[in-house]
Amino acid sequence: MPSAKILEQKKQTVAELSEKMRNAVAGVVVDYKGITVADDTKLRKELREAGVEYAVVKNTMLRFAAKEVGYEALESVLEGTTAIAMSDSDQVAAAKILTKYADDSKGKFVVKAGFVDGGVIDAAKVAELGKLPNREGLLSMLCSALQGNIRGLAVALNAIAEKNGEGEAAPAQEEAPAQEAAAE
């Protein structure tokens, strides 16, 4: 049986992990077995630059934390080597980086499951989420769509203005040949 000190440390670890999961907008649970130290270092750097916190966790600690937060559905994937990546600001960052890495690793690195906006999602949904553009990309697409509509409106208004302008200019041009014919 663990000593009171060790038990207290484990409770503290579960409480910290629960708090991080509660504050995160998204997270991804992975099986990191089979990756090299160099690859792991590169992956951690990329996640850190994207504002994603990544940590290797014990399955029992994550099981207790998930239960406390209401993500009991994660318990079914908590076997083998487990790491969790969480983001408190971007719903797709962790999924995007980890699914890309999992695809490149050819089975050595596997996405197990994830959570986003208070709900647990399976590995297939994490992969779908990873294919979405990030927040900045979505905002850029929205701006482009709005700009296209505004540009179309401007072209239409310009065409109407030119048509009205030609309509007024046309009688003046017709009058000029008539005046020239009268002068002859």
C-alpha atoms as a PDB file:
ATOM      1  CA  MET A   1       0.000   0.000   0.000  1.00  0.00           C
ATOM      2  CA  PRO A   2       1.403   3.408  -0.919  1.00  0.00           C
ATOM      3  CA  SER A   3       2.423   5.751   1.828  1.00  0.00           C
ATOM      4  CA  ALA A   4       0.274   8.760   2.683  1.00  0.00           C
ATOM      5  CA  LYS A   5       2.817  11.071   1.031  1.00  0.00           C
ATOM      6  CA  ILE A   6       2.766   9.181  -2.279  1.00  0.00           C
ATOM      7  CA  LEU A   7      -1.026   8.956  -2.195  1.00  0.00           C
ATOM      8  CA  GLU A   8      -1.241  12.712  -1.639  1.00  0.00           C
ATOM      9  CA  GLN A   9       1.114  13.333  -4.594  1.00  0.00           C
ATOM     10  CA  LYS A  10      -1.058  11.157  -6.829  1.00  0.00           C
ATOM     11  CA  LYS A  11      -4.206  13.002  -5.731  1.00  0.00           C
ATOM     12  CA  GLN A  12      -2.470  16.286  -6.505  1.00  0.00           C
ATOM     13  CA  THR A  13      -1.445  14.997  -9.957  1.00  0.00           C
ATOM     14  CA  VAL A  14      -5.036  13.928 -10.697  1.00  0.00           C
ATOM     15  CA  ALA A  15      -6.368  17.300  -9.495  1.00  0.00           C
ATOM     16  CA  GLU A  16      -3.919  19.208 -11.738  1.00  0.00           C
ATOM     17  CA  LEU A  17      -4.698  17.009 -14.729  1.00  0.00           C
ATOM     18  CA  SER A  18      -8.440  17.399 -14.122  1.00  0.00           C
ATOM     19  CA  GLU A  19      -8.091  21.168 -13.991  1.00  0.00           C
ATOM     20  CA  LYS A  20      -6.112  21.236 -17.241  1.00  0.00           C
ATOM     21  CA  MET A  21      -8.707  19.041 -18.947  1.00  0.00           C
ATOM     22  CA  ARG A  22     -11.541  21.195 -17.642  1.00  0.00           C
ATOM     23  CA  ASN A  23      -9.898  24.388 -18.975  1.00  0.00           C
ATOM     24  CA  ALA A  24      -8.923  22.883 -22.339  1.00  0.00           C
ATOM     25  CA  VAL A  25     -11.154  23.459 -25.380  1.00  0.00           C
ATOM     26  CA  ALA A  26      -9.743  20.306 -26.990  1.00  0.00           C
ATOM     27  CA  GLY A  27      -7.442  17.408 -26.303  1.00  0.00           C
ATOM     28  CA  VAL A  28      -6.082  14.316 -28.006  1.00  0.00           C
ATOM     29  CA  VAL A  29      -5.023  11.051 -26.371  1.00  0.00           C
ATOM     30  CA  VAL A  30      -2.317   9.105 -28.223  1.00  0.00           C
ATOM     31  CA  ASP A  31      -0.273   5.916 -28.010  1.00  0.00           C
ATOM     32  CA  TYR A  32       3.312   7.088 -28.473  1.00  0.00           C
ATOM     33  CA  LYS A  33       4.940   3.632 -28.497  1.00  0.00           C
ATOM     34  CA  GLY A  34       7.701   3.200 -31.053  1.00  0.00           C
ATOM     35  CA  ILE A  35       8.775   6.776 -31.705  1.00  0.00           C
ATOM     36  CA  THR A  36      12.366   7.876 -31.340  1.00  0.00           C
ATOM     37  CA  VAL A  37      13.620  10.510 -28.937  1.00  0.00           C
ATOM     38  CA  ALA A  38      14.468  12.790 -31.860  1.00  0.00           C
ATOM     39  CA  ASP A  39      10.949  12.454 -33.279  1.00  0.00           C
ATOM     40  CA  ASP A  40       9.432  13.018 -29.843  1.00  0.00           C
ATOM     41  CA  THR A  41      11.513  16.153 -29.354  1.00  0.00           C
ATOM     42  CA  LYS A  42      10.487  17.479 -32.764  1.00  0.00           C
ATOM     43  CA  LEU A  43       6.813  16.707 -32.040  1.00  0.00           C
ATOM     44  CA  ARG A  44       6.919  18.400 -28.639  1.00  0.00           C
ATOM     45  CA  LYS A  45       8.517  21.500 -30.170  1.00  0.00           C
ATOM     46  CA  GLU A  46       5.827  21.740 -32.843  1.00  0.00           C
ATOM     47  CA  LEU A  47       3.058  21.301 -30.256  1.00  0.00           C
ATOM     48  CA  ARG A  48       4.623  23.887 -27.945  1.00  0.00           C
ATOM     49  CA  GLU A  49       4.827  26.426 -30.791  1.00  0.00           C
ATOM     50  CA  ALA A  50       1.125  25.858 -31.488  1.00  0.00           C
ATOM     51  CA  GLY A  51       0.242  26.483 -27.834  1.00  0.00           C
ATOM     52  CA  VAL A  52      -0.559  22.842 -27.099  1.00  0.00           C
ATOM     53  CA  GLU A  53       0.505  21.210 -23.836  1.00  0.00           C
ATOM     54  CA  TYR A  54       1.725  17.627 -24.296  1.00  0.00           C
ATOM     55  CA  ALA A  55       2.537  15.162 -21.533  1.00  0.00           C
ATOM     56  CA  VAL A  56       3.001  11.459 -21.003  1.00  0.00           C
ATOM     57  CA  VAL A  57       0.552  10.314 -18.328  1.00  0.00           C
ATOM     58  CA  LYS A  58      -0.208   7.157 -16.428  1.00  0.00           C
ATOM     59  CA  ASN A  59      -3.442   5.534 -17.501  1.00  0.00           C
ATOM     60  CA  THR A  60      -4.796   5.348 -13.948  1.00  0.00           C
ATOM     61  CA  MET A  61      -4.142   9.055 -13.352  1.00  0.00           C
ATOM     62  CA  LEU A  62      -5.823   9.987 -16.618  1.00  0.00           C
ATOM     63  CA  ARG A  63      -8.709   7.606 -15.864  1.00  0.00           C
ATOM     64  CA  PHE A  64      -9.379   9.335 -12.524  1.00  0.00           C
ATOM     65  CA  ALA A  65      -9.032  12.800 -14.058  1.00  0.00           C
ATOM     66  CA  ALA A  66     -11.323  11.935 -16.992  1.00  0.00           C
ATOM     67  CA  LYS A  67     -13.944  10.582 -14.616  1.00  0.00           C
ATOM     68  CA  GLU A  68     -13.758  13.739 -12.523  1.00  0.00           C
ATOM     69  CA  VAL A  69     -14.240  15.967 -15.586  1.00  0.00           C
ATOM     70  CA  GLY A  70     -17.009  13.831 -17.100  1.00  0.00           C
ATOM     71  CA  TYR A  71     -15.035  12.194 -19.907  1.00  0.00           C
ATOM     72  CA  GLU A  72     -15.687   8.604 -18.775  1.00  0.00           C
ATOM     73  CA  ALA A  73     -15.809   7.484 -22.427  1.00  0.00           C
ATOM     74  CA  LEU A  74     -12.015   7.928 -22.573  1.00  0.00           C
ATOM     75  CA  GLU A  75     -11.546   5.005 -20.171  1.00  0.00           C
ATOM     76  CA  SER A  76     -11.908   2.443 -22.956  1.00  0.00           C
ATOM     77  CA  VAL A  77      -8.736   3.671 -24.727  1.00  0.00           C
ATOM     78  CA  LEU A  78      -6.535   4.012 -21.657  1.00  0.00           C
ATOM     79  CA  GLU A  79      -4.273   1.016 -22.232  1.00  0.00           C
ATOM     80  CA  GLY A  80      -0.616   0.785 -23.170  1.00  0.00           C
ATOM     81  CA  THR A  81       1.537   3.877 -23.471  1.00  0.00           C
ATOM     82  CA  THR A  82      -0.502   7.062 -23.238  1.00  0.00           C
ATOM     83  CA  ALA A  83       0.166  10.742 -23.772  1.00  0.00           C
ATOM     84  CA  ILE A  84      -2.280  13.618 -23.880  1.00  0.00           C
ATOM     85  CA  ALA A  85      -2.120  16.894 -25.774  1.00  0.00           C
ATOM     86  CA  MET A  86      -4.419  19.750 -24.710  1.00  0.00           C
ATOM     87  CA  SER A  87      -5.067  23.226 -26.007  1.00  0.00           C
ATOM     88  CA  ASP A  88      -6.920  25.905 -24.103  1.00  0.00           C
ATOM     89  CA  SER A  89      -7.457  28.167 -27.128  1.00  0.00           C
ATOM     90  CA  ASP A  90      -7.484  26.250 -30.443  1.00  0.00           C
ATOM     91  CA  GLN A  91      -9.852  23.325 -31.041  1.00  0.00           C
ATOM     92  CA  VAL A  92      -7.945  21.895 -34.014  1.00  0.00           C
ATOM     93  CA  ALA A  93      -4.255  22.527 -33.266  1.00  0.00           C
ATOM     94  CA  ALA A  94      -3.542  19.330 -31.326  1.00  0.00           C
ATOM     95  CA  ALA A  95      -5.632  17.169 -33.661  1.00  0.00           C
ATOM     96  CA  LYS A  96      -3.993  18.661 -36.748  1.00  0.00           C
ATOM     97  CA  ILE A  97      -0.411  18.126 -35.553  1.00  0.00           C
ATOM     98  CA  LEU A  98      -0.931  14.689 -34.010  1.00  0.00           C
ATOM     99  CA  THR A  99      -2.970  13.179 -36.860  1.00  0.00           C
ATOM    100  CA  LYS A 100      -0.374  14.388 -39.363  1.00  0.00           C
ATOM    101  CA  TYR A 101       2.363  12.859 -37.242  1.00  0.00           C
ATOM    102  CA  ALA A 102       0.392   9.601 -36.852  1.00  0.00           C
ATOM    103  CA  ASP A 103      -0.070   9.378 -40.633  1.00  0.00           C
ATOM    104  CA  ASP A 104       3.659   9.941 -41.190  1.00  0.00           C
ATOM    105  CA  SER A 105       4.746   7.398 -38.545  1.00  0.00           C
ATOM    106  CA  LYS A 106       3.025   4.460 -40.286  1.00  0.00           C
ATOM    107  CA  GLY A 107       1.443   2.851 -37.231  1.00  0.00           C
ATOM    108  CA  LYS A 108       4.098   3.556 -34.619  1.00  0.00           C
ATOM    109  CA  PHE A 109       2.222   6.548 -33.237  1.00  0.00           C
ATOM    110  CA  VAL A 110      -1.546   6.106 -32.918  1.00  0.00           C
ATOM    111  CA  VAL A 111      -4.321   8.557 -32.062  1.00  0.00           C
ATOM    112  CA  LYS A 112      -6.621   6.824 -29.553  1.00  0.00           C
ATOM    113  CA  ALA A 113      -9.375   9.392 -28.922  1.00  0.00           C
ATOM    114  CA  GLY A 114      -9.939  12.988 -27.961  1.00  0.00           C
ATOM    115  CA  PHE A 115     -12.305  15.547 -26.569  1.00  0.00           C
ATOM    116  CA  VAL A 116     -13.555  18.879 -27.820  1.00  0.00           C
ATOM    117  CA  ASP A 117     -15.910  21.417 -26.272  1.00  0.00           C
ATOM    118  CA  GLY A 118     -16.998  19.115 -23.455  1.00  0.00           C
ATOM    119  CA  GLY A 119     -17.545  15.903 -25.433  1.00  0.00           C
ATOM    120  CA  VAL A 120     -15.439  12.819 -26.113  1.00  0.00           C
ATOM    121  CA  ILE A 121     -14.691  11.909 -29.737  1.00  0.00           C
ATOM    122  CA  ASP A 122     -13.172   8.771 -31.243  1.00  0.00           C
ATOM    123  CA  ALA A 123      -9.998   8.552 -33.329  1.00  0.00           C
ATOM    124  CA  ALA A 124     -11.898   8.944 -36.622  1.00  0.00           C
ATOM    125  CA  LYS A 125     -13.471  12.200 -35.422  1.00  0.00           C
ATOM    126  CA  VAL A 126     -10.053  13.420 -34.259  1.00  0.00           C
ATOM    127  CA  ALA A 127      -8.738  12.741 -37.777  1.00  0.00           C
ATOM    128  CA  GLU A 128     -11.655  14.714 -39.273  1.00  0.00           C
ATOM    129  CA  LEU A 129     -10.980  17.552 -36.855  1.00  0.00           C
ATOM    130  CA  GLY A 130      -7.300  17.467 -37.834  1.00  0.00           C
ATOM    131  CA  LYS A 131      -8.223  18.066 -41.474  1.00  0.00           C
ATOM    132  CA  LEU A 132     -10.049  21.308 -40.684  1.00  0.00           C
ATOM    133  CA  PRO A 133      -8.178  24.576 -41.084  1.00  0.00           C
ATOM    134  CA  ASN A 134      -7.174  26.296 -37.865  1.00  0.00           C
ATOM    135  CA  ARG A 135      -9.045  29.315 -36.494  1.00  0.00           C
ATOM    136  CA  GLU A 136      -7.003  31.821 -38.519  1.00  0.00           C
ATOM    137  CA  GLY A 137      -7.582  29.800 -41.684  1.00  0.00           C
ATOM    138  CA  LEU A 138     -11.337  29.686 -41.087  1.00  0.00           C
ATOM    139  CA  LEU A 139     -11.423  33.438 -40.450  1.00  0.00           C
ATOM    140  CA  SER A 140      -9.432  34.012 -43.630  1.00  0.00           C
ATOM    141  CA  MET A 141     -11.908  31.905 -45.605  1.00  0.00           C
ATOM    142  CA  LEU A 142     -14.799  33.883 -44.113  1.00  0.00           C
ATOM    143  CA  CYS A 143     -13.155  37.197 -45.022  1.00  0.00           C
ATOM    144  CA  SER A 144     -12.544  35.987 -48.570  1.00  0.00           C
ATOM    145  CA  ALA A 145     -16.180  34.962 -48.950  1.00  0.00           C
ATOM    146  CA  LEU A 146     -17.393  38.305 -47.602  1.00  0.00           C
ATOM    147  CA  GLN A 147     -14.922  40.211 -49.753  1.00  0.00           C
ATOM    148  CA  GLY A 148     -16.092  38.297 -52.828  1.00  0.00           C
ATOM    149  CA  ASN A 149     -19.699  39.268 -52.141  1.00  0.00           C
ATOM    150  CA  ILE A 150     -18.747  42.900 -51.631  1.00  0.00           C
ATOM    151  CA  ARG A 151     -16.641  42.849 -54.807  1.00  0.00           C
ATOM    152  CA  GLY A 152     -19.596  41.384 -56.735  1.00  0.00           C
ATOM    153  CA  LEU A 153     -21.873  44.113 -55.391  1.00  0.00           C
ATOM    154  CA  ALA A 154     -19.351  46.791 -56.361  1.00  0.00           C
ATOM    155  CA  VAL A 155     -19.084  45.396 -59.913  1.00  0.00           C
ATOM    156  CA  ALA A 156     -22.870  45.268 -60.234  1.00  0.00           C
ATOM    157  CA  LEU A 157     -23.259  48.835 -58.970  1.00  0.00           C
ATOM    158  CA  ASN A 158     -20.509  49.995 -61.299  1.00  0.00           C
ATOM    159  CA  ALA A 159     -22.227  48.285 -64.249  1.00  0.00           C
ATOM    160  CA  ILE A 160     -25.504  49.978 -63.385  1.00  0.00           C
ATOM    161  CA  ALA A 161     -23.774  53.329 -63.064  1.00  0.00           C
ATOM    162  CA  GLU A 162     -22.036  52.882 -66.423  1.00  0.00           C
ATOM    163  CA  LYS A 163     -25.282  51.816 -68.055  1.00  0.00           C
ATOM    164  CA  ASN A 164     -27.037  54.876 -66.699  1.00  0.00           C
ATOM    165  CA  GLY A 165     -24.107  57.012 -67.767  1.00  0.00           C
ATOM    166  CA  GLU A 166     -24.210  55.547 -71.310  1.00  0.00           C
ATOM    167  CA  GLY A 167     -27.945  56.073 -71.462  1.00  0.00           C
ATOM    168  CA  GLU A 168     -27.476  59.801 -70.841  1.00  0.00           C
ATOM    169  CA  ALA A 169     -24.438  60.089 -73.088  1.00  0.00           C
ATOM    170  CA  ALA A 170     -26.066  58.275 -76.012  1.00  0.00           C
ATOM    171  CA  PRO A 171     -28.715  60.934 -76.767  1.00  0.00           C
ATOM    172  CA  ALA A 172     -26.027  63.632 -76.692  1.00  0.00           C
ATOM    173  CA  GLN A 173     -24.001  61.706 -79.278  1.00  0.00           C
ATOM    174  CA  GLU A 174     -27.076  61.214 -81.445  1.00  0.00           C
ATOM    175  CA  GLU A 175     -27.802  64.936 -81.287  1.00  0.00           C
ATOM    176  CA  ALA A 176     -24.288  65.799 -82.470  1.00  0.00           C
ATOM    177  CA  PRO A 177     -24.626  64.095 -85.890  1.00  0.00           C
ATOM    178  CA  ALA A 178     -28.052  65.675 -86.285  1.00  0.00           C
ATOM    179  CA  GLN A 179     -26.574  69.114 -85.549  1.00  0.00           C
ATOM    180  CA  GLU A 180     -23.745  68.492 -88.035  1.00  0.00           C
ATOM    181  CA  ALA A 181     -26.254  67.455 -90.706  1.00  0.00           C
ATOM    182  CA  ALA A 182     -28.264  70.596 -90.063  1.00  0.00           C
ATOM    183  CA  ALA A 183     -25.127  72.732 -90.360  1.00  0.00           C
ATOM    184  CA  GLU A 184     -24.375  71.377 -93.818  1.00  0.00           C
END
